[in-house]
PDB file of N, CA and C in Angstrom:
ATOM      1  N   UNK A   1     -40.430 -10.501  37.719  1.00  0.00           N
ATOM      2  CA  UNK A   1     -39.999 -11.828  37.396  1.00  0.00           C
ATOM      3  C   UNK A   1     -38.729 -11.740  36.550  1.00  0.00           C
ATOM      4  N   UNK A   2     -37.713 -12.470  36.904  1.00  0.00           N
ATOM      5  CA  UNK A   2     -36.435 -12.486  36.194  1.00  0.00           C
ATOM      6  C   UNK A   2     -36.447 -13.573  35.130  1.00  0.00           C
ATOM      7  N   UNK A   3     -35.811 -13.258  33.992  1.00  0.00           N
ATOM      8  CA  UNK A   3     -35.695 -14.236  32.910  1.00  0.00           C
ATOM      9  C   UNK A   3     -34.230 -14.635  32.811  1.00  0.00           C
ATOM     10  N   UNK A   4     -33.953 -15.893  32.880  1.00  0.00           N
ATOM     11  CA  UNK A   4     -32.581 -16.398  32.774  1.00  0.00           C
ATOM     12  C   UNK A   4     -32.283 -16.704  31.310  1.00  0.00           C
ATOM     13  N   UNK A   5     -31.111 -16.276  30.858  1.00  0.00           N
ATOM     14  CA  UNK A   5     -30.709 -16.602  29.483  1.00  0.00           C
ATOM     15  C   UNK A   5     -29.200 -16.743  29.425  1.00  0.00           C
ATOM     16  N   UNK A   6     -28.722 -17.543  28.503  1.00  0.00           N
ATOM     17  CA  UNK A   6     -27.291 -17.693  28.292  1.00  0.00           C
ATOM     18  C   UNK A   6     -26.924 -16.938  27.030  1.00  0.00           C
ATOM     19  N   UNK A   7     -25.882 -16.144  27.147  1.00  0.00           N
ATOM     20  CA  UNK A   7     -25.398 -15.408  25.982  1.00  0.00           C
ATOM     21  C   UNK A   7     -23.918 -15.695  25.838  1.00  0.00           C
ATOM     22  N   UNK A   8     -23.464 -15.735  24.609  1.00  0.00           N
ATOM     23  CA  UNK A   8     -22.049 -15.957  24.338  1.00  0.00           C
ATOM     24  C   UNK A   8     -21.469 -14.691  23.757  1.00  0.00           C
ATOM     25  N   UNK A   9     -20.346 -14.294  24.294  1.00  0.00           N
ATOM     26  CA  UNK A   9     -19.630 -13.125  23.801  1.00  0.00           C
ATOM     27  C   UNK A   9     -18.334 -13.608  23.177  1.00  0.00           C
ATOM     28  N   UNK A  10     -18.128 -13.297  21.908  1.00  0.00           N
ATOM     29  CA  UNK A  10     -16.914 -13.691  21.214  1.00  0.00           C
ATOM     30  C   UNK A  10     -16.028 -12.471  21.033  1.00  0.00           C
ATOM     31  N   UNK A  11     -14.790 -12.556  21.481  1.00  0.00           N
ATOM     32  CA  UNK A  11     -13.822 -11.478  21.329  1.00  0.00           C
ATOM     33  C   UNK A  11     -12.851 -11.844  20.215  1.00  0.00           C
ATOM     34  N   UNK A  12     -12.593 -10.908  19.332  1.00  0.00           N
ATOM     35  CA  UNK A  12     -11.652 -11.116  18.247  1.00  0.00           C
ATOM     36  C   UNK A  12     -10.423 -10.258  18.471  1.00  0.00           C
ATOM     37  N   UNK A  13      -9.262 -10.817  18.246  1.00  0.00           N
ATOM     38  CA  UNK A  13      -8.004 -10.089  18.405  1.00  0.00           C
ATOM     39  C   UNK A  13      -7.621  -9.494  17.051  1.00  0.00           C
ATOM     40  N   UNK A  14      -7.646  -8.165  16.882  1.00  0.00           N
ATOM     41  CA  UNK A  14      -7.378  -7.551  15.575  1.00  0.00           C
ATOM     42  C   UNK A  14      -5.896  -7.447  15.229  1.00  0.00           C
ATOM     43  N   UNK A  15      -5.033  -7.799  16.158  1.00  0.00           N
ATOM     44  CA  UNK A  15      -3.598  -7.668  15.896  1.00  0.00           C
ATOM     45  C   UNK A  15      -3.134  -8.725  14.904  1.00  0.00           C
ATOM     46  N   UNK A  16      -2.150  -8.368  14.117  1.00  0.00           N
ATOM     47  CA  UNK A  16      -1.575  -9.322  13.177  1.00  0.00           C
ATOM     48  C   UNK A  16      -0.383 -10.003  13.828  1.00  0.00           C
ATOM     49  N   UNK A  17       0.039 -11.063  13.204  1.00  0.00           N
ATOM     50  CA  UNK A  17       1.213 -11.765  13.709  1.00  0.00           C
ATOM     51  C   UNK A  17       2.440 -10.878  13.529  1.00  0.00           C
ATOM     52  N   UNK A  18       3.423 -11.095  14.361  1.00  0.00           N
ATOM     53  CA  UNK A  18       4.663 -10.326  14.265  1.00  0.00           C
ATOM     54  C   UNK A  18       5.360 -10.629  12.937  1.00  0.00           C
ATOM     55  N   UNK A  19       6.178  -9.692  12.488  1.00  0.00           N
ATOM     56  CA  UNK A  19       6.929  -9.878  11.254  1.00  0.00           C
ATOM     57  C   UNK A  19       7.822 -11.113  11.408  1.00  0.00           C
ATOM     58  N   UNK A  20       7.817 -11.990  10.412  1.00  0.00           N
ATOM     59  CA  UNK A  20       8.693 -13.163  10.498  1.00  0.00           C
ATOM     60  C   UNK A  20      10.151 -12.730  10.669  1.00  0.00           C
ATOM     61  N   UNK A  21      10.892 -13.483  11.440  1.00  0.00           N
ATOM     62  CA  UNK A  21      12.273 -13.125  11.762  1.00  0.00           C
ATOM     63  C   UNK A  21      13.139 -12.962  10.523  1.00  0.00           C
ATOM     64  N   UNK A  22      12.865 -13.698   9.453  1.00  0.00           N
ATOM     65  CA  UNK A  22      13.701 -13.641   8.259  1.00  0.00           C
ATOM     66  C   UNK A  22      13.388 -12.485   7.320  1.00  0.00           C
ATOM     67  N   UNK A  23      12.334 -11.709   7.590  1.00  0.00           N
ATOM     68  CA  UNK A  23      11.944 -10.629   6.687  1.00  0.00           C
ATOM     69  C   UNK A  23      12.869  -9.425   6.839  1.00  0.00           C
ATOM     70  N   UNK A  24      13.268  -8.854   5.715  1.00  0.00           N
ATOM     71  CA  UNK A  24      14.080  -7.642   5.721  1.00  0.00           C
ATOM     72  C   UNK A  24      13.516  -6.662   4.712  1.00  0.00           C
ATOM     73  N   UNK A  25      13.855  -5.425   4.882  1.00  0.00           N
ATOM     74  CA  UNK A  25      13.421  -4.392   3.933  1.00  0.00           C
ATOM     75  C   UNK A  25      14.379  -4.358   2.758  1.00  0.00           C
ATOM     76  N   UNK A  26      13.854  -3.931   1.634  1.00  0.00           N
ATOM     77  CA  UNK A  26      14.702  -3.755   0.457  1.00  0.00           C
ATOM     78  C   UNK A  26      15.670  -2.607   0.719  1.00  0.00           C
ATOM     79  N   UNK A  27      16.850  -2.659   0.133  1.00  0.00           N
ATOM     80  CA  UNK A  27      17.796  -1.559   0.349  1.00  0.00           C
ATOM     81  C   UNK A  27      17.269  -0.267  -0.270  1.00  0.00           C
ATOM     82  N   UNK A  28      17.598   0.844   0.359  1.00  0.00           N
ATOM     83  CA  UNK A  28      17.179   2.158  -0.127  1.00  0.00           C
ATOM     84  C   UNK A  28      17.925   2.493  -1.415  1.00  0.00           C
ATOM     85  N   UNK A  29      17.226   3.077  -2.360  1.00  0.00           N
ATOM     86  CA  UNK A  29      17.866   3.512  -3.600  1.00  0.00           C
ATOM     87  C   UNK A  29      18.751   4.723  -3.324  1.00  0.00           C
ATOM     88  N   UNK A  30      19.900   4.791  -3.982  1.00  0.00           N
ATOM     89  CA  UNK A  30      20.814   5.920  -3.804  1.00  0.00           C
ATOM     90  C   UNK A  30      20.173   7.217  -4.281  1.00  0.00           C
ATOM     91  N   UNK A  31      19.446   7.161  -5.394  1.00  0.00           N
ATOM     92  CA  UNK A  31      18.692   8.308  -5.898  1.00  0.00           C
ATOM     93  C   UNK A  31      17.602   7.779  -6.813  1.00  0.00           C
ATOM     94  N   UNK A  32      16.745   8.661  -7.283  1.00  0.00           N
ATOM     95  CA  UNK A  32      15.606   8.242  -8.101  1.00  0.00           C
ATOM     96  C   UNK A  32      15.803   8.491  -9.590  1.00  0.00           C
ATOM     97  N   UNK A  33      16.910   9.102  -9.976  1.00  0.00           N
ATOM     98  CA  UNK A  33      17.134   9.428 -11.388  1.00  0.00           C
ATOM     99  C   UNK A  33      17.086   8.167 -12.237  1.00  0.00           C
ATOM    100  N   UNK A  34      16.129   8.138 -13.170  1.00  0.00           N
ATOM    101  CA  UNK A  34      15.977   7.004 -14.071  1.00  0.00           C
ATOM    102  C   UNK A  34      15.341   5.776 -13.450  1.00  0.00           C
ATOM    103  N   UNK A  35      15.006   5.841 -12.183  1.00  0.00           N
ATOM    104  CA  UNK A  35      14.385   4.699 -11.507  1.00  0.00           C
ATOM    105  C   UNK A  35      12.893   4.660 -11.824  1.00  0.00           C
ATOM    106  N   UNK A  36      12.385   3.466 -12.035  1.00  0.00           N
ATOM    107  CA  UNK A  36      10.957   3.264 -12.324  1.00  0.00           C
ATOM    108  C   UNK A  36      10.200   3.188 -11.003  1.00  0.00           C
ATOM    109  N   UNK A  37       9.267   4.110 -10.824  1.00  0.00           N
ATOM    110  CA  UNK A  37       8.530   4.214  -9.561  1.00  0.00           C
ATOM    111  C   UNK A  37       7.064   3.859  -9.788  1.00  0.00           C
ATOM    112  N   UNK A  38       6.588   2.896  -9.006  1.00  0.00           N
ATOM    113  CA  UNK A  38       5.178   2.543  -9.021  1.00  0.00           C
ATOM    114  C   UNK A  38       4.446   3.305  -7.932  1.00  0.00           C
ATOM    115  N   UNK A  39       3.189   3.581  -8.162  1.00  0.00           N
ATOM    116  CA  UNK A  39       2.370   4.338  -7.217  1.00  0.00           C
ATOM    117  C   UNK A  39       1.130   3.503  -6.898  1.00  0.00           C
ATOM    118  N   UNK A  40       0.947   3.176  -5.630  1.00  0.00           N
ATOM    119  CA  UNK A  40      -0.145   2.308  -5.198  1.00  0.00           C
ATOM    120  C   UNK A  40      -1.100   3.081  -4.297  1.00  0.00           C
ATOM    121  N   UNK A  41      -2.282   3.376  -4.815  1.00  0.00           N
ATOM    122  CA  UNK A  41      -3.315   4.069  -4.036  1.00  0.00           C
ATOM    123  C   UNK A  41      -4.064   3.043  -3.190  1.00  0.00           C
ATOM    124  N   UNK A  42      -4.451   3.431  -1.989  1.00  0.00           N
ATOM    125  CA  UNK A  42      -5.058   2.465  -1.078  1.00  0.00           C
ATOM    126  C   UNK A  42      -6.572   2.351  -1.202  1.00  0.00           C
ATOM    127  N   UNK A  43      -7.173   3.070  -2.093  1.00  0.00           N
ATOM    128  CA  UNK A  43      -8.618   2.950  -2.282  1.00  0.00           C
ATOM    129  C   UNK A  43      -9.438   4.009  -1.579  1.00  0.00           C
ATOM    130  N   UNK A  44      -8.809   4.851  -0.778  1.00  0.00           N
ATOM    131  CA  UNK A  44      -9.550   5.921  -0.104  1.00  0.00           C
ATOM    132  C   UNK A  44      -9.659   7.129  -1.037  1.00  0.00           C
ATOM    133  N   UNK A  45     -10.658   7.972  -0.802  1.00  0.00           N
ATOM    134  CA  UNK A  45     -10.803   9.164  -1.642  1.00  0.00           C
ATOM    135  C   UNK A  45      -9.528  10.007  -1.626  1.00  0.00           C
ATOM    136  N   UNK A  46      -9.155  10.503  -2.766  1.00  0.00           N
ATOM    137  CA  UNK A  46      -8.021  11.407  -2.978  1.00  0.00           C
ATOM    138  C   UNK A  46      -6.653  10.738  -2.981  1.00  0.00           C
ATOM    139  N   UNK A  47      -6.576   9.445  -2.737  1.00  0.00           N
ATOM    140  CA  UNK A  47      -5.257   8.801  -2.756  1.00  0.00           C
ATOM    141  C   UNK A  47      -4.673   8.804  -4.171  1.00  0.00           C
ATOM    142  N   UNK A  48      -5.484   8.578  -5.186  1.00  0.00           N
ATOM    143  CA  UNK A  48      -4.975   8.600  -6.560  1.00  0.00           C
ATOM    144  C   UNK A  48      -4.564  10.005  -6.976  1.00  0.00           C
ATOM    145  N   UNK A  49      -5.321  11.008  -6.571  1.00  0.00           N
ATOM    146  CA  UNK A  49      -4.959  12.385  -6.898  1.00  0.00           C
ATOM    147  C   UNK A  49      -3.633  12.767  -6.240  1.00  0.00           C
ATOM    148  N   UNK A  50      -3.461  12.376  -4.990  1.00  0.00           N
ATOM    149  CA  UNK A  50      -2.216  12.663  -4.284  1.00  0.00           C
ATOM    150  C   UNK A  50      -1.030  11.999  -4.986  1.00  0.00           C
ATOM    151  N   UNK A  51      -1.189  10.729  -5.327  1.00  0.00           N
ATOM    152  CA  UNK A  51      -0.081  10.009  -5.962  1.00  0.00           C
ATOM    153  C   UNK A  51       0.204  10.519  -7.370  1.00  0.00           C
ATOM    154  N   UNK A  52      -0.799  10.977  -8.074  1.00  0.00           N
ATOM    155  CA  UNK A  52      -0.569  11.574  -9.394  1.00  0.00           C
ATOM    156  C   UNK A  52       0.310  12.807  -9.251  1.00  0.00           C
ATOM    157  N   UNK A  53      -0.016  13.655  -8.283  1.00  0.00           N
ATOM    158  CA  UNK A  53       0.799  14.851  -8.041  1.00  0.00           C
ATOM    159  C   UNK A  53       2.198  14.473  -7.578  1.00  0.00           C
ATOM    160  N   UNK A  54       2.313  13.475  -6.724  1.00  0.00           N
ATOM    161  CA  UNK A  54       3.618  13.025  -6.251  1.00  0.00           C
ATOM    162  C   UNK A  54       4.452  12.473  -7.405  1.00  0.00           C
ATOM    163  N   UNK A  55       3.828  11.703  -8.293  1.00  0.00           N
ATOM    164  CA  UNK A  55       4.537  11.176  -9.453  1.00  0.00           C
ATOM    165  C   UNK A  55       5.111  12.289 -10.310  1.00  0.00           C
ATOM    166  N   UNK A  56       4.352  13.358 -10.484  1.00  0.00           N
ATOM    167  CA  UNK A  56       4.829  14.516 -11.241  1.00  0.00           C
ATOM    168  C   UNK A  56       6.041  15.142 -10.554  1.00  0.00           C
ATOM    169  N   UNK A  57       5.963  15.318  -9.239  1.00  0.00           N
ATOM    170  CA  UNK A  57       7.088  15.892  -8.493  1.00  0.00           C
ATOM    171  C   UNK A  57       8.325  14.994  -8.547  1.00  0.00           C
ATOM    172  N   UNK A  58       8.133  13.693  -8.408  1.00  0.00           N
ATOM    173  CA  UNK A  58       9.277  12.774  -8.466  1.00  0.00           C
ATOM    174  C   UNK A  58       9.950  12.819  -9.837  1.00  0.00           C
ATOM    175  N   UNK A  59       9.156  12.973 -10.879  1.00  0.00           N
ATOM    176  CA  UNK A  59       9.710  13.068 -12.238  1.00  0.00           C
ATOM    177  C   UNK A  59      10.437  14.397 -12.429  1.00  0.00           C
ATOM    178  N   UNK A  60       9.779  15.511 -12.073  1.00  0.00           N
ATOM    179  CA  UNK A  60      10.347  16.840 -12.317  1.00  0.00           C
ATOM    180  C   UNK A  60      11.548  17.148 -11.429  1.00  0.00           C
ATOM    181  N   UNK A  61      11.488  16.775 -10.157  1.00  0.00           N
ATOM    182  CA  UNK A  61      12.539  17.162  -9.216  1.00  0.00           C
ATOM    183  C   UNK A  61      13.652  16.123  -9.049  1.00  0.00           C
ATOM    184  N   UNK A  62      13.319  14.863  -9.316  1.00  0.00           N
ATOM    185  CA  UNK A  62      14.294  13.808  -9.019  1.00  0.00           C
ATOM    186  C   UNK A  62      14.613  12.907 -10.203  1.00  0.00           C
ATOM    187  N   UNK A  63      13.983  13.155 -11.339  1.00  0.00           N
ATOM    188  CA  UNK A  63      14.286  12.376 -12.525  1.00  0.00           C
ATOM    189  C   UNK A  63      13.747  10.957 -12.513  1.00  0.00           C
ATOM    190  N   UNK A  64      12.790  10.686 -11.629  1.00  0.00           N
ATOM    191  CA  UNK A  64      12.177   9.355 -11.581  1.00  0.00           C
ATOM    192  C   UNK A  64      11.300   9.146 -12.809  1.00  0.00           C
ATOM    193  N   UNK A  65      11.015   7.896 -13.085  1.00  0.00           N
ATOM    194  CA  UNK A  65      10.152   7.542 -14.207  1.00  0.00           C
ATOM    195  C   UNK A  65       8.906   6.857 -13.627  1.00  0.00           C
ATOM    196  N   UNK A  66       7.835   7.622 -13.353  1.00  0.00           N
ATOM    197  CA  UNK A  66       6.620   6.981 -12.856  1.00  0.00           C
ATOM    198  C   UNK A  66       6.060   6.036 -13.921  1.00  0.00           C
ATOM    199  N   UNK A  67       5.882   4.765 -13.573  1.00  0.00           N
ATOM    200  CA  UNK A  67       5.451   3.792 -14.564  1.00  0.00           C
ATOM    201  C   UNK A  67       4.028   3.308 -14.380  1.00  0.00           C
ATOM    202  N   UNK A  68       3.525   3.341 -13.164  1.00  0.00           N
ATOM    203  CA  UNK A  68       2.191   2.788 -12.959  1.00  0.00           C
ATOM    204  C   UNK A  68       1.524   3.455 -11.771  1.00  0.00           C
ATOM    205  N   UNK A  69       0.262   3.799 -11.955  1.00  0.00           N
ATOM    206  CA  UNK A  69      -0.576   4.225 -10.839  1.00  0.00           C
ATOM    207  C   UNK A  69      -1.679   3.187 -10.764  1.00  0.00           C
ATOM    208  N   UNK A  70      -1.617   2.363  -9.745  1.00  0.00           N
ATOM    209  CA  UNK A  70      -2.622   1.323  -9.566  1.00  0.00           C
ATOM    210  C   UNK A  70      -3.275   1.515  -8.211  1.00  0.00           C
ATOM    211  N   UNK A  71      -4.427   0.912  -8.044  1.00  0.00           N
ATOM    212  CA  UNK A  71      -5.138   1.077  -6.787  1.00  0.00           C
ATOM    213  C   UNK A  71      -5.635  -0.230  -6.235  1.00  0.00           C
ATOM    214  N   UNK A  72      -5.786  -0.252  -4.923  1.00  0.00           N
ATOM    215  CA  UNK A  72      -6.430  -1.368  -4.245  1.00  0.00           C
ATOM    216  C   UNK A  72      -7.929  -1.109  -4.271  1.00  0.00           C
ATOM    217  N   UNK A  73      -8.729  -2.163  -4.253  1.00  0.00           N
ATOM    218  CA  UNK A  73     -10.173  -1.950  -4.247  1.00  0.00           C
ATOM    219  C   UNK A  73     -10.704  -1.368  -2.938  1.00  0.00           C
ATOM    220  N   UNK A  74      -9.962  -1.562  -1.848  1.00  0.00           N
ATOM    221  CA  UNK A  74     -10.430  -1.098  -0.547  1.00  0.00           C
ATOM    222  C   UNK A  74      -9.232  -0.883   0.369  1.00  0.00           C
ATOM    223  N   UNK A  75      -9.299   0.152   1.189  1.00  0.00           N
ATOM    224  CA  UNK A  75      -8.217   0.436   2.125  1.00  0.00           C
ATOM    225  C   UNK A  75      -8.085  -0.652   3.189  1.00  0.00           C
ATOM    226  N   UNK A  76      -9.147  -1.385   3.435  1.00  0.00           N
ATOM    227  CA  UNK A  76      -9.118  -2.393   4.490  1.00  0.00           C
ATOM    228  C   UNK A  76      -8.657  -3.764   3.998  1.00  0.00           C
ATOM    229  N   UNK A  77      -8.315  -3.860   2.730  1.00  0.00           N
ATOM    230  CA  UNK A  77      -7.875  -5.153   2.182  1.00  0.00           C
ATOM    231  C   UNK A  77      -6.474  -5.026   1.605  1.00  0.00           C
ATOM    232  N   UNK A  78      -5.778  -6.142   1.568  1.00  0.00           N
ATOM    233  CA  UNK A  78      -4.451  -6.144   0.954  1.00  0.00           C
ATOM    234  C   UNK A  78      -4.604  -6.018  -0.554  1.00  0.00           C
ATOM    235  N   UNK A  79      -3.567  -5.556  -1.206  1.00  0.00           N
ATOM    236  CA  UNK A  79      -3.594  -5.449  -2.659  1.00  0.00           C
ATOM    237  C   UNK A  79      -3.626  -6.848  -3.259  1.00  0.00           C
ATOM    238  N   UNK A  80      -4.361  -7.027  -4.344  1.00  0.00           N
ATOM    239  CA  UNK A  80      -4.398  -8.333  -4.998  1.00  0.00           C
ATOM    240  C   UNK A  80      -3.001  -8.762  -5.459  1.00  0.00           C
ATOM    241  N   UNK A  81      -2.762 -10.055  -5.466  1.00  0.00           N
ATOM    242  CA  UNK A  81      -1.459 -10.595  -5.868  1.00  0.00           C
ATOM    243  C   UNK A  81      -1.071 -10.126  -7.271  1.00  0.00           C
ATOM    244  N   UNK A  82      -2.040 -10.016  -8.173  1.00  0.00           N
ATOM    245  CA  UNK A  82      -1.747  -9.566  -9.544  1.00  0.00           C
ATOM    246  C   UNK A  82      -1.203  -8.136  -9.548  1.00  0.00           C
ATOM    247  N   UNK A  83      -1.761  -7.296  -8.697  1.00  0.00           N
ATOM    248  CA  UNK A  83      -1.302  -5.914  -8.594  1.00  0.00           C
ATOM    249  C   UNK A  83       0.128  -5.862  -8.056  1.00  0.00           C
ATOM    250  N   UNK A  84       0.394  -6.630  -7.020  1.00  0.00           N
ATOM    251  CA  UNK A  84       1.746  -6.664  -6.454  1.00  0.00           C
ATOM    252  C   UNK A  84       2.744  -7.237  -7.454  1.00  0.00           C
ATOM    253  N   UNK A  85       2.340  -8.262  -8.191  1.00  0.00           N
ATOM    254  CA  UNK A  85       3.213  -8.834  -9.223  1.00  0.00           C
ATOM    255  C   UNK A  85       3.527  -7.811 -10.305  1.00  0.00           C
ATOM    256  N   UNK A  86       2.508  -7.043 -10.711  1.00  0.00           N
ATOM    257  CA  UNK A  86       2.708  -5.997 -11.721  1.00  0.00           C
ATOM    258  C   UNK A  86       3.725  -4.977 -11.225  1.00  0.00           C
ATOM    259  N   UNK A  87       3.565  -4.527  -9.987  1.00  0.00           N
ATOM    260  CA  UNK A  87       4.467  -3.518  -9.439  1.00  0.00           C
ATOM    261  C   UNK A  87       5.889  -4.049  -9.282  1.00  0.00           C
ATOM    262  N   UNK A  88       6.036  -5.238  -8.741  1.00  0.00           N
ATOM    263  CA  UNK A  88       7.385  -5.767  -8.542  1.00  0.00           C
ATOM    264  C   UNK A  88       8.062  -6.093  -9.858  1.00  0.00           C
ATOM    265  N   UNK A  89       7.287  -6.426 -10.875  1.00  0.00           N
ATOM    266  CA  UNK A  89       7.870  -6.739 -12.168  1.00  0.00           C
ATOM    267  C   UNK A  89       8.283  -5.517 -12.977  1.00  0.00           C
ATOM    268  N   UNK A  90       7.647  -4.390 -12.726  1.00  0.00           N
ATOM    269  CA  UNK A  90       7.881  -3.193 -13.534  1.00  0.00           C
ATOM    270  C   UNK A  90       8.643  -2.087 -12.811  1.00  0.00           C
ATOM    271  N   UNK A  91       8.779  -2.164 -11.496  1.00  0.00           N
ATOM    272  CA  UNK A  91       9.247  -0.997 -10.743  1.00  0.00           C
ATOM    273  C   UNK A  91      10.517  -1.271  -9.943  1.00  0.00           C
ATOM    274  N   UNK A  92      11.308  -0.209  -9.788  1.00  0.00           N
ATOM    275  CA  UNK A  92      12.471  -0.250  -8.904  1.00  0.00           C
ATOM    276  C   UNK A  92      12.088   0.141  -7.482  1.00  0.00           C
ATOM    277  N   UNK A  93      11.028   0.926  -7.336  1.00  0.00           N
ATOM    278  CA  UNK A  93      10.521   1.362  -6.034  1.00  0.00           C
ATOM    279  C   UNK A  93       9.012   1.571  -6.148  1.00  0.00           C
ATOM    280  N   UNK A  94       8.336   1.468  -5.032  1.00  0.00           N
ATOM    281  CA  UNK A  94       6.894   1.681  -4.997  1.00  0.00           C
ATOM    282  C   UNK A  94       6.561   2.605  -3.829  1.00  0.00           C
ATOM    283  N   UNK A  95       5.676   3.571  -4.090  1.00  0.00           N
ATOM    284  CA  UNK A  95       5.170   4.460  -3.051  1.00  0.00           C
ATOM    285  C   UNK A  95       3.691   4.155  -2.888  1.00  0.00           C
ATOM    286  N   UNK A  96       3.269   3.982  -1.661  1.00  0.00           N
ATOM    287  CA  UNK A  96       1.844   3.778  -1.402  1.00  0.00           C
ATOM    288  C   UNK A  96       1.361   4.939  -0.536  1.00  0.00           C
ATOM    289  N   UNK A  97       0.088   5.253  -0.658  1.00  0.00           N
ATOM    290  CA  UNK A  97      -0.438   6.405   0.086  1.00  0.00           C
ATOM    291  C   UNK A  97      -1.896   6.195   0.424  1.00  0.00           C
ATOM    292  N   UNK A  98      -2.310   6.887   1.452  1.00  0.00           N
ATOM    293  CA  UNK A  98      -3.695   6.907   1.860  1.00  0.00           C
ATOM    294  C   UNK A  98      -4.333   8.220   1.410  1.00  0.00           C
ATOM    295  N   UNK A  99      -5.614   8.264   1.440  1.00  0.00           N
ATOM    296  CA  UNK A  99      -6.313   9.483   1.040  1.00  0.00           C
ATOM    297  C   UNK A  99      -7.176  10.006   2.167  1.00  0.00           C
ATOM    298  N   UNK A 100      -8.170  10.781   1.815  1.00  0.00           N
ATOM    299  CA  UNK A 100      -9.166  11.421   2.677  1.00  0.00           C
ATOM    300  C   UNK A 100      -8.945  12.883   2.754  1.00  0.00           C
TER     301      UNK A 100
END
């Protein structure tokens, strides 16, 4: 005996919208000497350790001034507005990294 049933399948599109036409990248810094560099960890294991080591290298080899190591609560979420405001207010450049 066959049982008839109705099922609904919902498909979600994971793609994001295209970059707005007016968006541009910040100009590249000529060098890092004396520049304040923020470090943004993405929340995955080892991202903070990697950025700590990178901050040391940027300071020793390029004269950068690492000012902040901050992290996102999760790799799958955007950084909170307060975190981005802190970085943009204090830094000339920001490096973000993943871990694992």
